[in-house]
Structures are given as C-alpha cells and as structure tokens.
Amino acid sequence: MTITLPDTPGLASLGEPAILLDLACGAYAAGHLSRQSAAEVAGVSRLDFDRALCDRRISYFTEEALAEDLETLHALFLL
C-alpha cells in the first residue's frame, strides 16, 4: 500500500519512521490493528511499540486482561 502525504514542512521534518509509528499508534488506538500488527506497520519491535504507546499515553492493558491476571494469581496462590 502506498500513502501519499502532502509535502508539509511539519511532516517532512518528522521523517518516514516517525510518521509510520504515529500512524500505527493511531490505528491501534482506534482498534483497527493488534499491537503486534501495529508494531509491524511501524517497523519496530513489539517492546518498542509498547514504549511508544506508553509515551503517547495509549493504554494497551484492558480490564479483561486484568481480570484474567487476577484469576491466575488467585489460582496460583490457592494451590
């Protein structure tokens, strides 16, 4: 896929890697991509993508994931 952006000074100063990362973060935040897919779009590792989400204050930990983790912890400590 090719995306053509206007030749705006603000975009030109960012560079392609930063623009791809911003695009991937936005697509993830909107629910269009998984974290792994968004990391691949941005061309970064999953860990680096998670850091970028954190820098942008985009949550990647859901209430459902928290509930599952709590259930696991309860099961581990009850055994």
PDB file of N, CA and C in Angstrom:
ATOM      1  N   MET A   1       0.841  -1.166   0.000  1.00  0.00           N
ATOM      2  CA  MET A   1       0.000   0.000   0.000  1.00  0.00           C
ATOM      3  C   MET A   1       0.892   1.236   0.000  1.00  0.00           C
ATOM      4  N   THR A   2       0.484   2.194  -0.759  1.00  0.00           N
ATOM      5  CA  THR A   2       1.210   3.458  -0.817  1.00  0.00           C
ATOM      6  C   THR A   2       0.289   4.570  -0.356  1.00  0.00           C
ATOM      7  N   ILE A   3       0.798   5.391   0.535  1.00  0.00           N
ATOM      8  CA  ILE A   3       0.045   6.545   1.023  1.00  0.00           C
ATOM      9  C   ILE A   3       0.826   7.791   0.630  1.00  0.00           C
ATOM     10  N   THR A   4       0.140   8.725   0.002  1.00  0.00           N
ATOM     11  CA  THR A   4       0.772   9.977  -0.394  1.00  0.00           C
ATOM     12  C   THR A   4       0.323  11.065   0.560  1.00  0.00           C
ATOM     13  N   LEU A   5       1.301  11.710   1.180  1.00  0.00           N
ATOM     14  CA  LEU A   5       1.008  12.794   2.114  1.00  0.00           C
ATOM     15  C   LEU A   5       1.436  14.116   1.498  1.00  0.00           C
ATOM     16  N   PRO A   6       0.790  15.192   1.889  1.00  0.00           N
ATOM     17  CA  PRO A   6       1.205  16.493   1.361  1.00  0.00           C
ATOM     18  C   PRO A   6       2.611  16.833   1.828  1.00  0.00           C
ATOM     19  N   ASP A   7       3.313  17.574   1.034  1.00  0.00           N
ATOM     20  CA  ASP A   7       4.690  17.961   1.346  1.00  0.00           C
ATOM     21  C   ASP A   7       4.655  19.161   2.300  1.00  0.00           C
ATOM     22  N   THR A   8       4.240  18.882   3.536  1.00  0.00           N
ATOM     23  CA  THR A   8       4.111  19.902   4.574  1.00  0.00           C
ATOM     24  C   THR A   8       5.389  19.926   5.399  1.00  0.00           C
ATOM     25  N   PRO A   9       5.921  21.090   5.723  1.00  0.00           N
ATOM     26  CA  PRO A   9       7.169  21.155   6.493  1.00  0.00           C
ATOM     27  C   PRO A   9       7.135  20.351   7.789  1.00  0.00           C
ATOM     28  N   GLY A  10       6.032  20.361   8.503  1.00  0.00           N
ATOM     29  CA  GLY A  10       5.930  19.616   9.752  1.00  0.00           C
ATOM     30  C   GLY A  10       6.086  18.124   9.551  1.00  0.00           C
ATOM     31  N   LEU A  11       5.468  17.599   8.497  1.00  0.00           N
ATOM     32  CA  LEU A  11       5.591  16.169   8.202  1.00  0.00           C
ATOM     33  C   LEU A  11       6.986  15.831   7.695  1.00  0.00           C
ATOM     34  N   ALA A  12       7.528  16.680   6.858  1.00  0.00           N
ATOM     35  CA  ALA A  12       8.851  16.421   6.293  1.00  0.00           C
ATOM     36  C   ALA A  12       9.911  16.362   7.384  1.00  0.00           C
ATOM     37  N   SER A  13       9.741  17.173   8.421  1.00  0.00           N
ATOM     38  CA  SER A  13      10.739  17.182   9.490  1.00  0.00           C
ATOM     39  C   SER A  13      10.645  15.945  10.376  1.00  0.00           C
ATOM     40  N   LEU A  14       9.497  15.280  10.371  1.00  0.00           N
ATOM     41  CA  LEU A  14       9.345  14.060  11.173  1.00  0.00           C
ATOM     42  C   LEU A  14      10.117  12.891  10.592  1.00  0.00           C
ATOM     43  N   GLY A  15      10.030  12.712   9.331  1.00  0.00           N
ATOM     44  CA  GLY A  15      10.649  11.568   8.682  1.00  0.00           C
ATOM     45  C   GLY A  15       9.711  10.379   8.643  1.00  0.00           C
ATOM     46  N   GLU A  16       9.958   9.478   7.713  1.00  0.00           N
ATOM     47  CA  GLU A  16       9.080   8.334   7.498  1.00  0.00           C
ATOM     48  C   GLU A  16       8.928   7.425   8.716  1.00  0.00           C
ATOM     49  N   PRO A  17      10.012   7.069   9.433  1.00  0.00           N
ATOM     50  CA  PRO A  17       9.835   6.179  10.596  1.00  0.00           C
ATOM     51  C   PRO A  17       8.893   6.753  11.658  1.00  0.00           C
ATOM     52  N   ALA A  18       9.013   8.042  11.941  1.00  0.00           N
ATOM     53  CA  ALA A  18       8.148   8.665  12.954  1.00  0.00           C
ATOM     54  C   ALA A  18       6.705   8.729  12.476  1.00  0.00           C
ATOM     55  N   ILE A  19       6.511   8.988  11.194  1.00  0.00           N
ATOM     56  CA  ILE A  19       5.158   9.049  10.644  1.00  0.00           C
ATOM     57  C   ILE A  19       4.514   7.665  10.692  1.00  0.00           C
ATOM     58  N   LEU A  20       5.270   6.634  10.340  1.00  0.00           N
ATOM     59  CA  LEU A  20       4.740   5.270  10.402  1.00  0.00           C
ATOM     60  C   LEU A  20       4.385   4.882  11.835  1.00  0.00           C
ATOM     61  N   LEU A  21       5.213   5.278  12.789  1.00  0.00           N
ATOM     62  CA  LEU A  21       4.937   4.962  14.186  1.00  0.00           C
ATOM     63  C   LEU A  21       3.668   5.680  14.647  1.00  0.00           C
ATOM     64  N   ASP A  22       3.524   6.946  14.300  1.00  0.00           N
ATOM     65  CA  ASP A  22       2.311   7.682  14.658  1.00  0.00           C
ATOM     66  C   ASP A  22       1.072   7.050  14.030  1.00  0.00           C
ATOM     67  N   LEU A  23       1.180   6.668  12.776  1.00  0.00           N
ATOM     68  CA  LEU A  23       0.066   6.030  12.078  1.00  0.00           C
ATOM     69  C   LEU A  23      -0.303   4.716  12.756  1.00  0.00           C
ATOM     70  N   ALA A  24       0.691   3.914  13.088  1.00  0.00           N
ATOM     71  CA  ALA A  24       0.449   2.619  13.728  1.00  0.00           C
ATOM     72  C   ALA A  24      -0.178   2.799  15.105  1.00  0.00           C
ATOM     73  N   CYS A  25       0.300   3.774  15.870  1.00  0.00           N
ATOM     74  CA  CYS A  25      -0.275   4.041  17.193  1.00  0.00           C
ATOM     75  C   CYS A  25      -1.733   4.461  17.070  1.00  0.00           C
ATOM     76  N   GLY A  26      -2.022   5.314  16.113  1.00  0.00           N
ATOM     77  CA  GLY A  26      -3.394   5.750  15.901  1.00  0.00           C
ATOM     78  C   GLY A  26      -4.300   4.610  15.470  1.00  0.00           C
ATOM     79  N   ALA A  27      -3.804   3.760  14.579  1.00  0.00           N
ATOM     80  CA  ALA A  27      -4.596   2.621  14.109  1.00  0.00           C
ATOM     81  C   ALA A  27      -4.842   1.637  15.248  1.00  0.00           C
ATOM     82  N   TYR A  28      -3.845   1.446  16.112  1.00  0.00           N
ATOM     83  CA  TYR A  28      -4.028   0.572  17.275  1.00  0.00           C
ATOM     84  C   TYR A  28      -5.057   1.183  18.232  1.00  0.00           C
ATOM     85  N   ALA A  29      -4.903   2.464  18.539  1.00  0.00           N
ATOM     86  CA  ALA A  29      -5.807   3.134  19.475  1.00  0.00           C
ATOM     87  C   ALA A  29      -7.251   3.110  18.980  1.00  0.00           C
ATOM     88  N   ALA A  30      -7.438   3.162  17.676  1.00  0.00           N
ATOM     89  CA  ALA A  30      -8.782   3.136  17.099  1.00  0.00           C
ATOM     90  C   ALA A  30      -9.347   1.722  17.003  1.00  0.00           C
ATOM     91  N   GLY A  31      -8.526   0.726  17.335  1.00  0.00           N
ATOM     92  CA  GLY A  31      -8.987  -0.658  17.307  1.00  0.00           C
ATOM     93  C   GLY A  31      -8.883  -1.327  15.954  1.00  0.00           C
ATOM     94  N   HIS A  32      -8.128  -0.728  15.036  1.00  0.00           N
ATOM     95  CA  HIS A  32      -8.001  -1.296  13.693  1.00  0.00           C
ATOM     96  C   HIS A  32      -6.905  -2.349  13.592  1.00  0.00           C
ATOM     97  N   LEU A  33      -5.919  -2.285  14.474  1.00  0.00           N
ATOM     98  CA  LEU A  33      -4.788  -3.213  14.429  1.00  0.00           C
ATOM     99  C   LEU A  33      -4.495  -3.762  15.813  1.00  0.00           C
ATOM    100  N   SER A  34      -3.987  -4.984  15.852  1.00  0.00           N
ATOM    101  CA  SER A  34      -3.481  -5.531  17.106  1.00  0.00           C
ATOM    102  C   SER A  34      -2.146  -4.869  17.415  1.00  0.00           C
ATOM    103  N   ARG A  35      -1.652  -5.050  18.623  1.00  0.00           N
ATOM    104  CA  ARG A  35      -0.356  -4.466  18.966  1.00  0.00           C
ATOM    105  C   ARG A  35       0.739  -5.036  18.088  1.00  0.00           C
ATOM    106  N   GLN A  36       0.712  -6.334  17.835  1.00  0.00           N
ATOM    107  CA  GLN A  36       1.752  -6.952  17.005  1.00  0.00           C
ATOM    108  C   GLN A  36       1.687  -6.427  15.576  1.00  0.00           C
ATOM    109  N   SER A  37       0.494  -6.343  15.015  1.00  0.00           N
ATOM    110  CA  SER A  37       0.347  -5.836  13.648  1.00  0.00           C
ATOM    111  C   SER A  37       0.775  -4.380  13.550  1.00  0.00           C
ATOM    112  N   ALA A  38       0.418  -3.593  14.551  1.00  0.00           N
ATOM    113  CA  ALA A  38       0.797  -2.180  14.543  1.00  0.00           C
ATOM    114  C   ALA A  38       2.311  -2.027  14.653  1.00  0.00           C
ATOM    115  N   ALA A  39       2.945  -2.857  15.464  1.00  0.00           N
ATOM    116  CA  ALA A  39       4.409  -2.825  15.573  1.00  0.00           C
ATOM    117  C   ALA A  39       5.044  -3.137  14.223  1.00  0.00           C
ATOM    118  N   GLU A  40       4.471  -4.099  13.511  1.00  0.00           N
ATOM    119  CA  GLU A  40       5.000  -4.457  12.185  1.00  0.00           C
ATOM    120  C   GLU A  40       4.817  -3.301  11.204  1.00  0.00           C
ATOM    121  N   VAL A  41       3.671  -2.632  11.250  1.00  0.00           N
ATOM    122  CA  VAL A  41       3.437  -1.476  10.376  1.00  0.00           C
ATOM    123  C   VAL A  41       4.480  -0.399  10.659  1.00  0.00           C
ATOM    124  N   ALA A  42       4.753  -0.183  11.940  1.00  0.00           N
ATOM    125  CA  ALA A  42       5.713   0.849  12.333  1.00  0.00           C
ATOM    126  C   ALA A  42       7.157   0.422  12.077  1.00  0.00           C
ATOM    127  N   GLY A  43       7.380  -0.868  11.878  1.00  0.00           N
ATOM    128  CA  GLY A  43       8.736  -1.346  11.638  1.00  0.00           C
ATOM    129  C   GLY A  43       9.589  -1.380  12.890  1.00  0.00           C
ATOM    130  N   VAL A  44       8.935  -1.600  14.046  1.00  0.00           N
ATOM    131  CA  VAL A  44       9.657  -1.656  15.317  1.00  0.00           C
ATOM    132  C   VAL A  44       9.313  -2.957  16.038  1.00  0.00           C
ATOM    133  N   SER A  45      10.094  -3.260  17.069  1.00  0.00           N
ATOM    134  CA  SER A  45       9.797  -4.449  17.867  1.00  0.00           C
ATOM    135  C   SER A  45       8.534  -4.207  18.684  1.00  0.00           C
ATOM    136  N   ARG A  46       7.966  -5.290  19.164  1.00  0.00           N
ATOM    137  CA  ARG A  46       6.761  -5.179  19.998  1.00  0.00           C
ATOM    138  C   ARG A  46       7.061  -4.356  21.254  1.00  0.00           C
ATOM    139  N   LEU A  47       8.218  -4.564  21.858  1.00  0.00           N
ATOM    140  CA  LEU A  47       8.597  -3.819  23.059  1.00  0.00           C
ATOM    141  C   LEU A  47       8.721  -2.324  22.753  1.00  0.00           C
ATOM    142  N   ASP A  48       9.368  -1.990  21.642  1.00  0.00           N
ATOM    143  CA  ASP A  48       9.486  -0.578  21.260  1.00  0.00           C
ATOM    144  C   ASP A  48       8.116   0.037  20.963  1.00  0.00           C
ATOM    145  N   PHE A  49       7.232  -0.761  20.382  1.00  0.00           N
ATOM    146  CA  PHE A  49       5.885  -0.253  20.111  1.00  0.00           C
ATOM    147  C   PHE A  49       5.145  -0.003  21.420  1.00  0.00           C
ATOM    148  N   ASP A  50       5.277  -0.926  22.371  1.00  0.00           N
ATOM    149  CA  ASP A  50       4.639  -0.726  23.675  1.00  0.00           C
ATOM    150  C   ASP A  50       5.172   0.533  24.351  1.00  0.00           C
ATOM    151  N   ARG A  51       6.452   0.801  24.209  1.00  0.00           N
ATOM    152  CA  ARG A  51       7.029   2.029  24.766  1.00  0.00           C
ATOM    153  C   ARG A  51       6.428   3.264  24.094  1.00  0.00           C
ATOM    154  N   ALA A  52       6.244   3.183  22.774  1.00  0.00           N
ATOM    155  CA  ALA A  52       5.648   4.304  22.041  1.00  0.00           C
ATOM    156  C   ALA A  52       4.213   4.537  22.507  1.00  0.00           C
ATOM    157  N   LEU A  53       3.468   3.461  22.743  1.00  0.00           N
ATOM    158  CA  LEU A  53       2.107   3.611  23.259  1.00  0.00           C
ATOM    159  C   LEU A  53       2.131   4.282  24.628  1.00  0.00           C
ATOM    160  N   CYS A  54       3.046   3.844  25.465  1.00  0.00           N
ATOM    161  CA  CYS A  54       3.171   4.426  26.808  1.00  0.00           C
ATOM    162  C   CYS A  54       3.518   5.907  26.715  1.00  0.00           C
ATOM    163  N   ASP A  55       4.461   6.252  25.840  1.00  0.00           N
ATOM    164  CA  ASP A  55       4.848   7.653  25.655  1.00  0.00           C
ATOM    165  C   ASP A  55       3.657   8.514  25.236  1.00  0.00           C
ATOM    166  N   ARG A  56       2.753   7.910  24.478  1.00  0.00           N
ATOM    167  CA  ARG A  56       1.586   8.635  23.975  1.00  0.00           C
ATOM    168  C   ARG A  56       0.377   8.480  24.903  1.00  0.00           C
ATOM    169  N   ARG A  57       0.574   7.784  26.011  1.00  0.00           N
ATOM    170  CA  ARG A  57      -0.482   7.531  26.998  1.00  0.00           C
ATOM    171  C   ARG A  57      -1.670   6.798  26.384  1.00  0.00           C
ATOM    172  N   ILE A  58      -1.341   5.817  25.524  1.00  0.00           N
ATOM    173  CA  ILE A  58      -2.357   4.963  24.927  1.00  0.00           C
ATOM    174  C   ILE A  58      -2.306   3.640  25.680  1.00  0.00           C
ATOM    175  N   SER A  59      -3.402   3.292  26.322  1.00  0.00           N
ATOM    176  CA  SER A  59      -3.438   2.082  27.139  1.00  0.00           C
ATOM    177  C   SER A  59      -3.462   0.835  26.261  1.00  0.00           C
ATOM    178  N   TYR A  60      -2.732  -0.161  26.684  1.00  0.00           N
ATOM    179  CA  TYR A  60      -2.792  -1.442  25.987  1.00  0.00           C
ATOM    180  C   TYR A  60      -3.141  -2.560  26.950  1.00  0.00           C
ATOM    181  N   PHE A  61      -3.529  -2.218  28.154  1.00  0.00           N
ATOM    182  CA  PHE A  61      -3.924  -3.212  29.140  1.00  0.00           C
ATOM    183  C   PHE A  61      -5.407  -3.023  29.401  1.00  0.00           C
ATOM    184  N   THR A  62      -6.199  -4.034  29.075  1.00  0.00           N
ATOM    185  CA  THR A  62      -7.650  -3.930  29.184  1.00  0.00           C
ATOM    186  C   THR A  62      -8.134  -4.442  30.537  1.00  0.00           C
ATOM    187  N   GLU A  63      -9.354  -4.103  30.862  1.00  0.00           N
ATOM    188  CA  GLU A  63      -9.957  -4.610  32.090  1.00  0.00           C
ATOM    189  C   GLU A  63     -10.088  -6.127  32.043  1.00  0.00           C
ATOM    190  N   GLU A  64     -10.353  -6.667  30.867  1.00  0.00           N
ATOM    191  CA  GLU A  64     -10.467  -8.114  30.724  1.00  0.00           C
ATOM    192  C   GLU A  64      -9.128  -8.793  31.018  1.00  0.00           C
ATOM    193  N   ALA A  65      -8.053  -8.196  30.532  1.00  0.00           N
ATOM    194  CA  ALA A  65      -6.722  -8.758  30.795  1.00  0.00           C
ATOM    195  C   ALA A  65      -6.406  -8.705  32.283  1.00  0.00           C
ATOM    196  N   LEU A  66      -6.793  -7.631  32.934  1.00  0.00           N
ATOM    197  CA  LEU A  66      -6.582  -7.515  34.379  1.00  0.00           C
ATOM    198  C   LEU A  66      -7.359  -8.598  35.120  1.00  0.00           C
ATOM    199  N   ALA A  67      -8.607  -8.803  34.742  1.00  0.00           N
ATOM    200  CA  ALA A  67      -9.428  -9.824  35.386  1.00  0.00           C
ATOM    201  C   ALA A  67      -8.811 -11.214  35.208  1.00  0.00           C
ATOM    202  N   GLU A  68      -8.316 -11.503  34.014  1.00  0.00           N
ATOM    203  CA  GLU A  68      -7.667 -12.801  33.766  1.00  0.00           C
ATOM    204  C   GLU A  68      -6.410 -12.953  34.613  1.00  0.00           C
ATOM    205  N   ASP A  69      -5.624 -11.895  34.702  1.00  0.00           N
ATOM    206  CA  ASP A  69      -4.406 -11.948  35.513  1.00  0.00           C
ATOM    207  C   ASP A  69      -4.739 -12.165  36.987  1.00  0.00           C
ATOM    208  N   LEU A  70      -5.768 -11.497  37.469  1.00  0.00           N
ATOM    209  CA  LEU A  70      -6.171 -11.682  38.869  1.00  0.00           C
ATOM    210  C   LEU A  70      -6.653 -13.098  39.130  1.00  0.00           C
ATOM    211  N   GLU A  71      -7.411 -13.662  38.189  1.00  0.00           N
ATOM    212  CA  GLU A  71      -7.854 -15.055  38.324  1.00  0.00           C
ATOM    213  C   GLU A  71      -6.654 -15.998  38.377  1.00  0.00           C
ATOM    214  N   THR A  72      -5.679 -15.761  37.526  1.00  0.00           N
ATOM    215  CA  THR A  72      -4.477 -16.595  37.512  1.00  0.00           C
ATOM    216  C   THR A  72      -3.732 -16.493  38.829  1.00  0.00           C
ATOM    217  N   LEU A  73      -3.582 -15.275  39.345  1.00  0.00           N
ATOM    218  CA  LEU A  73      -2.892 -15.092  40.623  1.00  0.00           C
ATOM    219  C   LEU A  73      -3.621 -15.796  41.757  1.00  0.00           C
ATOM    220  N   HIS A  74      -4.948 -15.693  41.770  1.00  0.00           N
ATOM    221  CA  HIS A  74      -5.721 -16.375  42.802  1.00  0.00           C
ATOM    222  C   HIS A  74      -5.536 -17.882  42.705  1.00  0.00           C
ATOM    223  N   ALA A  75      -5.567 -18.412  41.487  1.00  0.00           N
ATOM    224  CA  ALA A  75      -5.394 -19.850  41.303  1.00  0.00           C
ATOM    225  C   ALA A  75      -4.007 -20.305  41.741  1.00  0.00           C
ATOM    226  N   LEU A  76      -2.993 -19.530  41.444  1.00  0.00           N
ATOM    227  CA  LEU A  76      -1.632 -19.900  41.821  1.00  0.00           C
ATOM    228  C   LEU A  76      -1.447 -19.906  43.330  1.00  0.00           C
ATOM    229  N   PHE A  77      -2.021 -18.938  44.002  1.00  0.00           N
ATOM    230  CA  PHE A  77      -1.825 -18.839  45.441  1.00  0.00           C
ATOM    231  C   PHE A  77      -2.761 -19.735  46.233  1.00  0.00           C
ATOM    232  N   LEU A  78      -3.797 -20.264  45.609  1.00  0.00           N
ATOM    233  CA  LEU A  78      -4.716 -21.169  46.294  1.00  0.00           C
ATOM    234  C   LEU A  78      -4.267 -22.611  46.191  1.00  0.00           C
ATOM    235  N   LEU A  79      -3.340 -22.900  45.307  1.00  0.00           N
ATOM    236  CA  LEU A  79      -2.884 -24.291  45.128  1.00  0.00           C
ATOM    237  C   LEU A  79      -2.024 -24.742  46.259  1.00  0.00           C
TER     238      LEU A  79
END
